[in-house]
Amino acid sequence: MEGDRVHERRARIRVAGNTAGPALFALRAKGYTVELSYVRAEPGEYAPEYAAAKDGLLFSADTAEELLGLVAMWEVRGDDWSASSHDERAWRDALEAAALVYDRDGNVVDEDE
């Protein structure tokens, strides 16, 4: 990843029980109206659905973190968010090819093992 490994960064944030609130607060700070509803899969079983709206835009996701990610993606990429260039596809292919595999203890696993 262009000379830097993710684990060498100063900030380390992973989706966990303490990230949903800050993600929602960030959306609110960006001026989005945020709503939470539940979809009943079957009696007694409900799945959350988060939505954020602003200026005629509507985003929805299963988690607050995913919702913030969609908003950030659109803010960077705009209406052509899903289009990708040859360079972008090549970069993503290289990213996937360079991905390391870790065991549960955080050790790099040799794929030949």
PDB file of N, CA and C in Angstrom:
ATOM      1  N   MET A   1       0.841  -1.178   0.000  1.00  0.00           N
ATOM      2  CA  MET A   1       0.000   0.000   0.000  1.00  0.00           C
ATOM      3  C   MET A   1       0.883   1.238   0.000  1.00  0.00           C
ATOM      4  N   GLU A   2       1.544   1.408  -1.087  1.00  0.00           N
ATOM      5  CA  GLU A   2       2.354   2.588  -1.301  1.00  0.00           C
ATOM      6  C   GLU A   2       3.363   2.806  -0.180  1.00  0.00           C
ATOM      7  N   GLY A   3       4.004   1.723   0.266  1.00  0.00           N
ATOM      8  CA  GLY A   3       5.071   1.839   1.246  1.00  0.00           C
ATOM      9  C   GLY A   3       4.627   1.850   2.697  1.00  0.00           C
ATOM     10  N   ASP A   4       3.380   2.063   2.971  1.00  0.00           N
ATOM     11  CA  ASP A   4       2.886   2.099   4.351  1.00  0.00           C
ATOM     12  C   ASP A   4       1.987   0.907   4.592  1.00  0.00           C
ATOM     13  N   ARG A   5       2.176   0.248   5.699  1.00  0.00           N
ATOM     14  CA  ARG A   5       1.246  -0.806   6.106  1.00  0.00           C
ATOM     15  C   ARG A   5       0.235  -0.181   7.045  1.00  0.00           C
ATOM     16  N   VAL A   6      -0.966  -0.647   7.008  1.00  0.00           N
ATOM     17  CA  VAL A   6      -2.032  -0.085   7.832  1.00  0.00           C
ATOM     18  C   VAL A   6      -1.678  -0.146   9.313  1.00  0.00           C
ATOM     19  N   HIS A   7      -1.058  -1.232   9.767  1.00  0.00           N
ATOM     20  CA  HIS A   7      -0.756  -1.396  11.193  1.00  0.00           C
ATOM     21  C   HIS A   7       0.342  -0.460  11.678  1.00  0.00           C
ATOM     22  N   GLU A   8       1.013   0.272  10.789  1.00  0.00           N
ATOM     23  CA  GLU A   8       2.062   1.202  11.192  1.00  0.00           C
ATOM     24  C   GLU A   8       1.524   2.605  11.441  1.00  0.00           C
ATOM     25  N   ARG A   9       0.252   2.815  11.325  1.00  0.00           N
ATOM     26  CA  ARG A   9      -0.364   4.126  11.511  1.00  0.00           C
ATOM     27  C   ARG A   9      -0.504   4.457  12.991  1.00  0.00           C
ATOM     28  N   ARG A  10      -0.606   5.757  13.291  1.00  0.00           N
ATOM     29  CA  ARG A  10      -0.775   6.206  14.668  1.00  0.00           C
ATOM     30  C   ARG A  10      -2.170   5.876  15.196  1.00  0.00           C
ATOM     31  N   ALA A  11      -3.211   6.119  14.394  1.00  0.00           N
ATOM     32  CA  ALA A  11      -4.585   5.814  14.815  1.00  0.00           C
ATOM     33  C   ALA A  11      -4.945   4.406  14.378  1.00  0.00           C
ATOM     34  N   ARG A  12      -5.598   3.686  15.269  1.00  0.00           N
ATOM     35  CA  ARG A  12      -6.080   2.341  14.947  1.00  0.00           C
ATOM     36  C   ARG A  12      -7.521   2.252  15.389  1.00  0.00           C
ATOM     37  N   ILE A  13      -8.425   2.257  14.436  1.00  0.00           N
ATOM     38  CA  ILE A  13      -9.851   2.177  14.734  1.00  0.00           C
ATOM     39  C   ILE A  13     -10.418   0.993  13.974  1.00  0.00           C
ATOM     40  N   ARG A  14     -11.155   0.166  14.664  1.00  0.00           N
ATOM     41  CA  ARG A  14     -11.822  -0.982  14.057  1.00  0.00           C
ATOM     42  C   ARG A  14     -13.282  -0.927  14.480  1.00  0.00           C
ATOM     43  N   VAL A  15     -14.163  -1.328  13.608  1.00  0.00           N
ATOM     44  CA  VAL A  15     -15.578  -1.357  13.959  1.00  0.00           C
ATOM     45  C   VAL A  15     -15.764  -2.236  15.187  1.00  0.00           C
ATOM     46  N   ALA A  16     -16.381  -1.655  16.198  1.00  0.00           N
ATOM     47  CA  ALA A  16     -16.630  -2.365  17.451  1.00  0.00           C
ATOM     48  C   ALA A  16     -17.836  -1.713  18.122  1.00  0.00           C
ATOM     49  N   GLY A  17     -18.136  -2.124  19.304  1.00  0.00           N
ATOM     50  CA  GLY A  17     -19.290  -1.610  20.025  1.00  0.00           C
ATOM     51  C   GLY A  17     -19.229  -0.117  20.313  1.00  0.00           C
ATOM     52  N   ASN A  18     -18.037   0.466  20.243  1.00  0.00           N
ATOM     53  CA  ASN A  18     -17.911   1.887  20.572  1.00  0.00           C
ATOM     54  C   ASN A  18     -17.762   2.786  19.341  1.00  0.00           C
ATOM     55  N   THR A  19     -18.027   2.270  18.133  1.00  0.00           N
ATOM     56  CA  THR A  19     -17.853   3.095  16.937  1.00  0.00           C
ATOM     57  C   THR A  19     -19.160   3.569  16.307  1.00  0.00           C
ATOM     58  N   ALA A  20     -20.279   2.944  16.627  1.00  0.00           N
ATOM     59  CA  ALA A  20     -21.557   3.333  16.017  1.00  0.00           C
ATOM     60  C   ALA A  20     -21.952   4.754  16.419  1.00  0.00           C
ATOM     61  N   GLY A  21     -21.872   5.079  17.690  1.00  0.00           N
ATOM     62  CA  GLY A  21     -22.234   6.423  18.147  1.00  0.00           C
ATOM     63  C   GLY A  21     -21.404   7.506  17.469  1.00  0.00           C
ATOM     64  N   PRO A  22     -20.071   7.415  17.517  1.00  0.00           N
ATOM     65  CA  PRO A  22     -19.269   8.426  16.838  1.00  0.00           C
ATOM     66  C   PRO A  22     -19.560   8.532  15.341  1.00  0.00           C
ATOM     67  N   ALA A  23     -19.869   7.418  14.680  1.00  0.00           N
ATOM     68  CA  ALA A  23     -20.221   7.469  13.258  1.00  0.00           C
ATOM     69  C   ALA A  23     -21.503   8.276  13.060  1.00  0.00           C
ATOM     70  N   LEU A  24     -22.490   8.055  13.912  1.00  0.00           N
ATOM     71  CA  LEU A  24     -23.745   8.807  13.816  1.00  0.00           C
ATOM     72  C   LEU A  24     -23.534  10.283  14.148  1.00  0.00           C
ATOM     73  N   PHE A  25     -22.705  10.553  15.153  1.00  0.00           N
ATOM     74  CA  PHE A  25     -22.415  11.952  15.518  1.00  0.00           C
ATOM     75  C   PHE A  25     -21.703  12.663  14.368  1.00  0.00           C
ATOM     76  N   ALA A  26     -20.820  11.955  13.660  1.00  0.00           N
ATOM     77  CA  ALA A  26     -20.109  12.547  12.520  1.00  0.00           C
ATOM     78  C   ALA A  26     -21.098  12.896  11.407  1.00  0.00           C
ATOM     79  N   LEU A  27     -22.049  12.012  11.156  1.00  0.00           N
ATOM     80  CA  LEU A  27     -23.061  12.299  10.140  1.00  0.00           C
ATOM     81  C   LEU A  27     -23.890  13.518  10.520  1.00  0.00           C
ATOM     82  N   ARG A  28     -24.265  13.587  11.771  1.00  0.00           N
ATOM     83  CA  ARG A  28     -25.039  14.745  12.247  1.00  0.00           C
ATOM     84  C   ARG A  28     -24.211  16.020  12.123  1.00  0.00           C
ATOM     85  N   ALA A  29     -22.940  15.964  12.446  1.00  0.00           N
ATOM     86  CA  ALA A  29     -22.064  17.136  12.333  1.00  0.00           C
ATOM     87  C   ALA A  29     -21.904  17.575  10.878  1.00  0.00           C
ATOM     88  N   LYS A  30     -22.026  16.629   9.947  1.00  0.00           N
ATOM     89  CA  LYS A  30     -21.944  16.951   8.531  1.00  0.00           C
ATOM     90  C   LYS A  30     -23.260  17.530   8.013  1.00  0.00           C
ATOM     91  N   GLY A  31     -24.268  17.609   8.859  1.00  0.00           N
ATOM     92  CA  GLY A  31     -25.542  18.197   8.462  1.00  0.00           C
ATOM     93  C   GLY A  31     -26.585  17.215   7.964  1.00  0.00           C
ATOM     94  N   TYR A  32     -26.349  15.932   8.138  1.00  0.00           N
ATOM     95  CA  TYR A  32     -27.316  14.925   7.707  1.00  0.00           C
ATOM     96  C   TYR A  32     -28.368  14.704   8.783  1.00  0.00           C
ATOM     97  N   THR A  33     -29.591  14.449   8.347  1.00  0.00           N
ATOM     98  CA  THR A  33     -30.646  13.991   9.235  1.00  0.00           C
ATOM     99  C   THR A  33     -30.504  12.472   9.297  1.00  0.00           C
ATOM    100  N   VAL A  34     -30.422  11.938  10.486  1.00  0.00           N
ATOM    101  CA  VAL A  34     -30.184  10.503  10.657  1.00  0.00           C
ATOM    102  C   VAL A  34     -31.415   9.866  11.276  1.00  0.00           C
ATOM    103  N   GLU A  35     -31.811   8.729  10.724  1.00  0.00           N
ATOM    104  CA  GLU A  35     -32.949   7.980  11.254  1.00  0.00           C
ATOM    105  C   GLU A  35     -32.563   6.525  11.442  1.00  0.00           C
ATOM    106  N   LEU A  36     -33.203   5.906  12.403  1.00  0.00           N
ATOM    107  CA  LEU A  36     -33.022   4.479  12.657  1.00  0.00           C
ATOM    108  C   LEU A  36     -34.392   3.832  12.641  1.00  0.00           C
ATOM    109  N   SER A  37     -34.511   2.758  11.893  1.00  0.00           N
ATOM    110  CA  SER A  37     -35.736   1.958  11.912  1.00  0.00           C
ATOM    111  C   SER A  37     -35.314   0.495  12.001  1.00  0.00           C
ATOM    112  N   TYR A  38     -36.299  -0.350  12.227  1.00  0.00           N
ATOM    113  CA  TYR A  38     -36.012  -1.783  12.319  1.00  0.00           C
ATOM    114  C   TYR A  38     -36.879  -2.531  11.327  1.00  0.00           C
ATOM    115  N   VAL A  39     -36.306  -3.526  10.700  1.00  0.00           N
ATOM    116  CA  VAL A  39     -37.021  -4.394   9.793  1.00  0.00           C
ATOM    117  C   VAL A  39     -37.235  -5.709  10.524  1.00  0.00           C
ATOM    118  N   ARG A  40     -38.492  -6.120  10.596  1.00  0.00           N
ATOM    119  CA  ARG A  40     -38.782  -7.371  11.294  1.00  0.00           C
ATOM    120  C   ARG A  40     -38.577  -8.535  10.337  1.00  0.00           C
ATOM    121  N   ALA A  41     -37.597  -9.354  10.632  1.00  0.00           N
ATOM    122  CA  ALA A  41     -37.317 -10.534   9.823  1.00  0.00           C
ATOM    123  C   ALA A  41     -38.348 -11.618  10.122  1.00  0.00           C
ATOM    124  N   GLU A  42     -38.627 -11.781  11.393  1.00  0.00           N
ATOM    125  CA  GLU A  42     -39.663 -12.697  11.867  1.00  0.00           C
ATOM    126  C   GLU A  42     -40.004 -12.267  13.285  1.00  0.00           C
ATOM    127  N   PRO A  43     -41.080 -12.757  13.834  1.00  0.00           N
ATOM    128  CA  PRO A  43     -41.456 -12.300  15.182  1.00  0.00           C
ATOM    129  C   PRO A  43     -40.299 -12.428  16.168  1.00  0.00           C
ATOM    130  N   GLY A  44     -39.984 -11.320  16.825  1.00  0.00           N
ATOM    131  CA  GLY A  44     -38.916 -11.290  17.811  1.00  0.00           C
ATOM    132  C   GLY A  44     -37.528 -11.093  17.228  1.00  0.00           C
ATOM    133  N   GLU A  45     -37.414 -11.026  15.921  1.00  0.00           N
ATOM    134  CA  GLU A  45     -36.108 -10.854  15.280  1.00  0.00           C
ATOM    135  C   GLU A  45     -36.139  -9.602  14.404  1.00  0.00           C
ATOM    136  N   TYR A  46     -35.319  -8.620  14.778  1.00  0.00           N
ATOM    137  CA  TYR A  46     -35.319  -7.342  14.098  1.00  0.00           C
ATOM    138  C   TYR A  46     -33.905  -6.981  13.638  1.00  0.00           C
ATOM    139  N   ALA A  47     -33.821  -6.366  12.474  1.00  0.00           N
ATOM    140  CA  ALA A  47     -32.535  -5.912  11.944  1.00  0.00           C
ATOM    141  C   ALA A  47     -32.582  -4.394  11.814  1.00  0.00           C
ATOM    142  N   PRO A  48     -31.540  -3.698  12.287  1.00  0.00           N
ATOM    143  CA  PRO A  48     -31.533  -2.243  12.184  1.00  0.00           C
ATOM    144  C   PRO A  48     -31.323  -1.777  10.749  1.00  0.00           C
ATOM    145  N   GLU A  49     -31.900  -0.641  10.428  1.00  0.00           N
ATOM    146  CA  GLU A  49     -31.641   0.022   9.153  1.00  0.00           C
ATOM    147  C   GLU A  49     -31.440   1.500   9.446  1.00  0.00           C
ATOM    148  N   TYR A  50     -30.246   1.984   9.147  1.00  0.00           N
ATOM    149  CA  TYR A  50     -29.892   3.383   9.369  1.00  0.00           C
ATOM    150  C   TYR A  50     -30.063   4.146   8.066  1.00  0.00           C
ATOM    151  N   ALA A  51     -30.513   5.394   8.165  1.00  0.00           N
ATOM    152  CA  ALA A  51     -30.658   6.246   6.988  1.00  0.00           C
ATOM    153  C   ALA A  51     -30.129   7.635   7.306  1.00  0.00           C
ATOM    154  N   ALA A  52     -29.544   8.263   6.296  1.00  0.00           N
ATOM    155  CA  ALA A  52     -29.062   9.640   6.423  1.00  0.00           C
ATOM    156  C   ALA A  52     -29.528  10.396   5.186  1.00  0.00           C
ATOM    157  N   ALA A  53     -30.073  11.605   5.407  1.00  0.00           N
ATOM    158  CA  ALA A  53     -30.587  12.415   4.305  1.00  0.00           C
ATOM    159  C   ALA A  53     -30.072  13.839   4.417  1.00  0.00           C
ATOM    160  N   LYS A  54     -29.824  14.430   3.222  1.00  0.00           N
ATOM    161  CA  LYS A  54     -29.385  15.831   3.166  1.00  0.00           C
ATOM    162  C   LYS A  54     -29.452  16.284   1.714  1.00  0.00           C
ATOM    163  N   ASP A  55     -30.013  17.447   1.492  1.00  0.00           N
ATOM    164  CA  ASP A  55     -30.025  18.058   0.156  1.00  0.00           C
ATOM    165  C   ASP A  55     -30.520  17.120  -0.930  1.00  0.00           C
ATOM    166  N   GLY A  56     -31.585  16.380  -0.646  1.00  0.00           N
ATOM    167  CA  GLY A  56     -32.146  15.475  -1.642  1.00  0.00           C
ATOM    168  C   GLY A  56     -31.404  14.161  -1.793  1.00  0.00           C
ATOM    169  N   LEU A  57     -30.399  13.928  -0.994  1.00  0.00           N
ATOM    170  CA  LEU A  57     -29.642  12.676  -1.018  1.00  0.00           C
ATOM    171  C   LEU A  57     -30.159  11.762   0.080  1.00  0.00           C
ATOM    172  N   LEU A  58     -30.200  10.479  -0.182  1.00  0.00           N
ATOM    173  CA  LEU A  58     -30.613   9.508   0.828  1.00  0.00           C
ATOM    174  C   LEU A  58     -29.668   8.320   0.775  1.00  0.00           C
ATOM    175  N   PHE A  59     -29.125   7.981   1.923  1.00  0.00           N
ATOM    176  CA  PHE A  59     -28.230   6.841   2.062  1.00  0.00           C
ATOM    177  C   PHE A  59     -28.826   5.909   3.103  1.00  0.00           C
ATOM    178  N   SER A  60     -28.686   4.601   2.921  1.00  0.00           N
ATOM    179  CA  SER A  60     -29.155   3.663   3.946  1.00  0.00           C
ATOM    180  C   SER A  60     -28.178   2.493   4.038  1.00  0.00           C
ATOM    181  N   ALA A  61     -28.097   1.939   5.232  1.00  0.00           N
ATOM    182  CA  ALA A  61     -27.161   0.842   5.487  1.00  0.00           C
ATOM    183  C   ALA A  61     -27.598   0.064   6.714  1.00  0.00           C
ATOM    184  N   ASP A  62     -26.980  -1.085   6.903  1.00  0.00           N
ATOM    185  CA  ASP A  62     -27.295  -1.945   8.043  1.00  0.00           C
ATOM    186  C   ASP A  62     -26.634  -1.490   9.331  1.00  0.00           C
ATOM    187  N   THR A  63     -25.524  -0.738   9.222  1.00  0.00           N
ATOM    188  CA  THR A  63     -24.835  -0.266  10.415  1.00  0.00           C
ATOM    189  C   THR A  63     -24.517   1.214  10.269  1.00  0.00           C
ATOM    190  N   ALA A  64     -24.289   1.872  11.402  1.00  0.00           N
ATOM    191  CA  ALA A  64     -23.928   3.288  11.397  1.00  0.00           C
ATOM    192  C   ALA A  64     -22.592   3.495  10.689  1.00  0.00           C
ATOM    193  N   GLU A  65     -21.656   2.591  10.886  1.00  0.00           N
ATOM    194  CA  GLU A  65     -20.347   2.703  10.269  1.00  0.00           C
ATOM    195  C   GLU A  65     -20.437   2.568   8.744  1.00  0.00           C
ATOM    196  N   GLU A  66     -21.256   1.625   8.286  1.00  0.00           N
ATOM    197  CA  GLU A  66     -21.463   1.483   6.840  1.00  0.00           C
ATOM    198  C   GLU A  66     -22.112   2.742   6.266  1.00  0.00           C
ATOM    199  N   LEU A  67     -23.050   3.303   7.001  1.00  0.00           N
ATOM    200  CA  LEU A  67     -23.740   4.507   6.554  1.00  0.00           C
ATOM    201  C   LEU A  67     -22.763   5.656   6.375  1.00  0.00           C
ATOM    202  N   LEU A  68     -21.901   5.861   7.355  1.00  0.00           N
ATOM    203  CA  LEU A  68     -20.890   6.909   7.253  1.00  0.00           C
ATOM    204  C   LEU A  68     -19.960   6.643   6.075  1.00  0.00           C
ATOM    205  N   GLY A  69     -19.615   5.406   5.852  1.00  0.00           N
ATOM    206  CA  GLY A  69     -18.760   5.041   4.725  1.00  0.00           C
ATOM    207  C   GLY A  69     -19.407   5.362   3.382  1.00  0.00           C
ATOM    208  N   LEU A  70     -20.699   5.085   3.248  1.00  0.00           N
ATOM    209  CA  LEU A  70     -21.396   5.409   2.001  1.00  0.00           C
ATOM    210  C   LEU A  70     -21.432   6.910   1.762  1.00  0.00           C
ATOM    211  N   VAL A  71     -21.704   7.667   2.828  1.00  0.00           N
ATOM    212  CA  VAL A  71     -21.726   9.120   2.704  1.00  0.00           C
ATOM    213  C   VAL A  71     -20.346   9.629   2.293  1.00  0.00           C
ATOM    214  N   ALA A  72     -19.310   9.146   2.944  1.00  0.00           N
ATOM    215  CA  ALA A  72     -17.949   9.571   2.613  1.00  0.00           C
ATOM    216  C   ALA A  72     -17.605   9.211   1.173  1.00  0.00           C
ATOM    217  N   MET A  73     -17.997   8.023   0.726  1.00  0.00           N
ATOM    218  CA  MET A  73     -17.731   7.612  -0.647  1.00  0.00           C
ATOM    219  C   MET A  73     -18.410   8.567  -1.622  1.00  0.00           C
ATOM    220  N   TRP A  74     -19.666   8.886  -1.369  1.00  0.00           N
ATOM    221  CA  TRP A  74     -20.380   9.786  -2.272  1.00  0.00           C
ATOM    222  C   TRP A  74     -19.790  11.194  -2.230  1.00  0.00           C
ATOM    223  N   GLU A  75     -19.409  11.650  -1.058  1.00  0.00           N
ATOM    224  CA  GLU A  75     -18.826  12.991  -0.954  1.00  0.00           C
ATOM    225  C   GLU A  75     -17.530  13.105  -1.756  1.00  0.00           C
ATOM    226  N   VAL A  76     -16.772  12.024  -1.832  1.00  0.00           N
ATOM    227  CA  VAL A  76     -15.526  12.029  -2.590  1.00  0.00           C
ATOM    228  C   VAL A  76     -15.778  11.779  -4.075  1.00  0.00           C
ATOM    229  N   ARG A  77     -16.670  10.851  -4.394  1.00  0.00           N
ATOM    230  CA  ARG A  77     -16.834  10.399  -5.780  1.00  0.00           C
ATOM    231  C   ARG A  77     -18.025  11.005  -6.510  1.00  0.00           C
ATOM    232  N   GLY A  78     -18.997  11.546  -5.778  1.00  0.00           N
ATOM    233  CA  GLY A  78     -20.150  12.182  -6.404  1.00  0.00           C
ATOM    234  C   GLY A  78     -21.094  11.210  -7.081  1.00  0.00           C
ATOM    235  N   ASP A  79     -21.870  11.743  -8.031  1.00  0.00           N
ATOM    236  CA  ASP A  79     -22.901  10.944  -8.689  1.00  0.00           C
ATOM    237  C   ASP A  79     -22.348   9.757  -9.471  1.00  0.00           C
ATOM    238  N   ASP A  80     -21.097   9.807  -9.868  1.00  0.00           N
ATOM    239  CA  ASP A  80     -20.475   8.686 -10.573  1.00  0.00           C
ATOM    240  C   ASP A  80     -19.733   7.771  -9.612  1.00  0.00           C
ATOM    241  N   TRP A  81     -20.246   7.633  -8.413  1.00  0.00           N
ATOM    242  CA  TRP A  81     -19.573   6.891  -7.354  1.00  0.00           C
ATOM    243  C   TRP A  81     -19.245   5.458  -7.752  1.00  0.00           C
ATOM    244  N   SER A  82     -20.087   4.842  -8.579  1.00  0.00           N
ATOM    245  CA  SER A  82     -19.864   3.425  -8.879  1.00  0.00           C
ATOM    246  C   SER A  82     -18.952   3.197 -10.078  1.00  0.00           C
ATOM    247  N   ALA A  83     -18.707   4.229 -10.869  1.00  0.00           N
ATOM    248  CA  ALA A  83     -17.832   4.074 -12.034  1.00  0.00           C
ATOM    249  C   ALA A  83     -16.389   3.923 -11.573  1.00  0.00           C
ATOM    250  N   SER A  84     -15.641   3.107 -12.290  1.00  0.00           N
ATOM    251  CA  SER A  84     -14.219   2.985 -11.954  1.00  0.00           C
ATOM    252  C   SER A  84     -13.395   2.991 -13.235  1.00  0.00           C
ATOM    253  N   SER A  85     -12.269   3.614 -13.140  1.00  0.00           N
ATOM    254  CA  SER A  85     -11.363   3.708 -14.278  1.00  0.00           C
ATOM    255  C   SER A  85     -10.451   2.484 -14.316  1.00  0.00           C
ATOM    256  N   HIS A  86      -9.732   2.355 -15.395  1.00  0.00           N
ATOM    257  CA  HIS A  86      -8.756   1.273 -15.507  1.00  0.00           C
ATOM    258  C   HIS A  86      -7.724   1.384 -14.382  1.00  0.00           C
ATOM    259  N   ASP A  87      -7.260   2.613 -14.106  1.00  0.00           N
ATOM    260  CA  ASP A  87      -6.271   2.818 -13.039  1.00  0.00           C
ATOM    261  C   ASP A  87      -6.823   2.409 -11.676  1.00  0.00           C
ATOM    262  N   GLU A  88      -8.085   2.735 -11.417  1.00  0.00           N
ATOM    263  CA  GLU A  88      -8.688   2.356 -10.137  1.00  0.00           C
ATOM    264  C   GLU A  88      -8.808   0.838 -10.028  1.00  0.00           C
ATOM    265  N   ARG A  89      -9.228   0.191 -11.091  1.00  0.00           N
ATOM    266  CA  ARG A  89      -9.338  -1.277 -11.057  1.00  0.00           C
ATOM    267  C   ARG A  89      -7.966  -1.919 -10.871  1.00  0.00           C
ATOM    268  N   ALA A  90      -6.960  -1.372 -11.533  1.00  0.00           N
ATOM    269  CA  ALA A  90      -5.598  -1.905 -11.388  1.00  0.00           C
ATOM    270  C   ALA A  90      -5.101  -1.713  -9.954  1.00  0.00           C
ATOM    271  N   TRP A  91      -5.378  -0.557  -9.372  1.00  0.00           N
ATOM    272  CA  TRP A  91      -4.969  -0.300  -7.992  1.00  0.00           C
ATOM    273  C   TRP A  91      -5.644  -1.281  -7.048  1.00  0.00           C
ATOM    274  N   ARG A  92      -6.959  -1.508  -7.258  1.00  0.00           N
ATOM    275  CA  ARG A  92      -7.673  -2.444  -6.382  1.00  0.00           C
ATOM    276  C   ARG A  92      -7.135  -3.864  -6.546  1.00  0.00           C
ATOM    277  N   ASP A  93      -6.859  -4.273  -7.784  1.00  0.00           N
ATOM    278  CA  ASP A  93      -6.278  -5.603  -8.007  1.00  0.00           C
ATOM    279  C   ASP A  93      -4.940  -5.741  -7.291  1.00  0.00           C
ATOM    280  N   ALA A  94      -4.102  -4.698  -7.357  1.00  0.00           N
ATOM    281  CA  ALA A  94      -2.803  -4.721  -6.680  1.00  0.00           C
ATOM    282  C   ALA A  94      -2.973  -4.775  -5.166  1.00  0.00           C
ATOM    283  N   LEU A  95      -3.950  -4.032  -4.643  1.00  0.00           N
ATOM    284  CA  LEU A  95      -4.242  -4.041  -3.208  1.00  0.00           C
ATOM    285  C   LEU A  95      -4.608  -5.449  -2.751  1.00  0.00           C
ATOM    286  N   GLU A  96      -5.492  -6.094  -3.497  1.00  0.00           N
ATOM    287  CA  GLU A  96      -5.914  -7.450  -3.142  1.00  0.00           C
ATOM    288  C   GLU A  96      -4.764  -8.446  -3.264  1.00  0.00           C
ATOM    289  N   ALA A  97      -3.935  -8.285  -4.294  1.00  0.00           N
ATOM    290  CA  ALA A  97      -2.808  -9.199  -4.485  1.00  0.00           C
ATOM    291  C   ALA A  97      -1.771  -9.058  -3.371  1.00  0.00           C
ATOM    292  N   ALA A  98      -1.630  -7.859  -2.806  1.00  0.00           N
ATOM    293  CA  ALA A  98      -0.630  -7.613  -1.757  1.00  0.00           C
ATOM    294  C   ALA A  98      -1.163  -7.887  -0.351  1.00  0.00           C
ATOM    295  N   ALA A  99      -2.441  -8.250  -0.236  1.00  0.00           N
ATOM    296  CA  ALA A  99      -3.052  -8.450   1.085  1.00  0.00           C
ATOM    297  C   ALA A  99      -2.371  -9.590   1.840  1.00  0.00           C
ATOM    298  N   LEU A 100      -2.085  -9.333   3.098  1.00  0.00           N
ATOM    299  CA  LEU A 100      -1.497 -10.349   3.957  1.00  0.00           C
ATOM    300  C   LEU A 100      -2.603 -11.148   4.644  1.00  0.00           C
ATOM    301  N   VAL A 101      -2.258 -12.350   5.073  1.00  0.00           N
ATOM    302  CA  VAL A 101      -3.167 -13.206   5.830  1.00  0.00           C
ATOM    303  C   VAL A 101      -2.585 -13.347   7.225  1.00  0.00           C
ATOM    304  N   TYR A 102      -3.427 -13.142   8.244  1.00  0.00           N
ATOM    305  CA  TYR A 102      -2.994 -13.225   9.637  1.00  0.00           C
ATOM    306  C   TYR A 102      -3.725 -14.358  10.341  1.00  0.00           C
ATOM    307  N   ASP A 103      -3.062 -14.942  11.342  1.00  0.00           N
ATOM    308  CA  ASP A 103      -3.738 -15.912  12.191  1.00  0.00           C
ATOM    309  C   ASP A 103      -4.425 -15.160  13.339  1.00  0.00           C
ATOM    310  N   ARG A 104      -5.074 -15.896  14.215  1.00  0.00           N
ATOM    311  CA  ARG A 104      -5.832 -15.257  15.314  1.00  0.00           C
ATOM    312  C   ARG A 104      -4.951 -14.490  16.290  1.00  0.00           C
ATOM    313  N   ASP A 105      -3.656 -14.790  16.297  1.00  0.00           N
ATOM    314  CA  ASP A 105      -2.739 -14.109  17.202  1.00  0.00           C
ATOM    315  C   ASP A 105      -2.062 -12.899  16.560  1.00  0.00           C
ATOM    316  N   GLY A 106      -2.417 -12.607  15.306  1.00  0.00           N
ATOM    317  CA  GLY A 106      -1.841 -11.450  14.624  1.00  0.00           C
ATOM    318  C   GLY A 106      -0.545 -11.725  13.886  1.00  0.00           C
ATOM    319  N   ASN A 107      -0.189 -12.987  13.776  1.00  0.00           N
ATOM    320  CA  ASN A 107       1.030 -13.356  13.051  1.00  0.00           C
ATOM    321  C   ASN A 107       0.704 -13.526  11.564  1.00  0.00           C
ATOM    322  N   VAL A 108       1.627 -13.095  10.716  1.00  0.00           N
ATOM    323  CA  VAL A 108       1.452 -13.276   9.285  1.00  0.00           C
ATOM    324  C   VAL A 108       1.556 -14.754   8.964  1.00  0.00           C
ATOM    325  N   VAL A 109       0.608 -15.230   8.167  1.00  0.00           N
ATOM    326  CA  VAL A 109       0.567 -16.637   7.766  1.00  0.00           C
ATOM    327  C   VAL A 109       1.140 -16.749   6.372  1.00  0.00           C
ATOM    328  N   ASP A 110       2.088 -17.679   6.227  1.00  0.00           N
ATOM    329  CA  ASP A 110       2.654 -17.950   4.908  1.00  0.00           C
ATOM    330  C   ASP A 110       1.620 -18.759   4.142  1.00  0.00           C
ATOM    331  N   GLU A 111       1.203 -18.255   2.994  1.00  0.00           N
ATOM    332  CA  GLU A 111       0.152 -18.935   2.231  1.00  0.00           C
ATOM    333  C   GLU A 111       0.558 -20.317   1.753  1.00  0.00           C
ATOM    334  N   ASP A 112       1.859 -20.614   1.750  1.00  0.00           N
ATOM    335  CA  ASP A 112       2.330 -21.924   1.316  1.00  0.00           C
ATOM    336  C   ASP A 112       2.217 -22.968   2.422  1.00  0.00           C
ATOM    337  N   GLU A 113       1.884 -22.526   3.632  1.00  0.00           N
ATOM    338  CA  GLU A 113       1.793 -23.473   4.765  1.00  0.00           C
ATOM    339  C   GLU A 113       0.501 -24.244   4.731  1.00  0.00           C
TER     340      GLU A 113
END
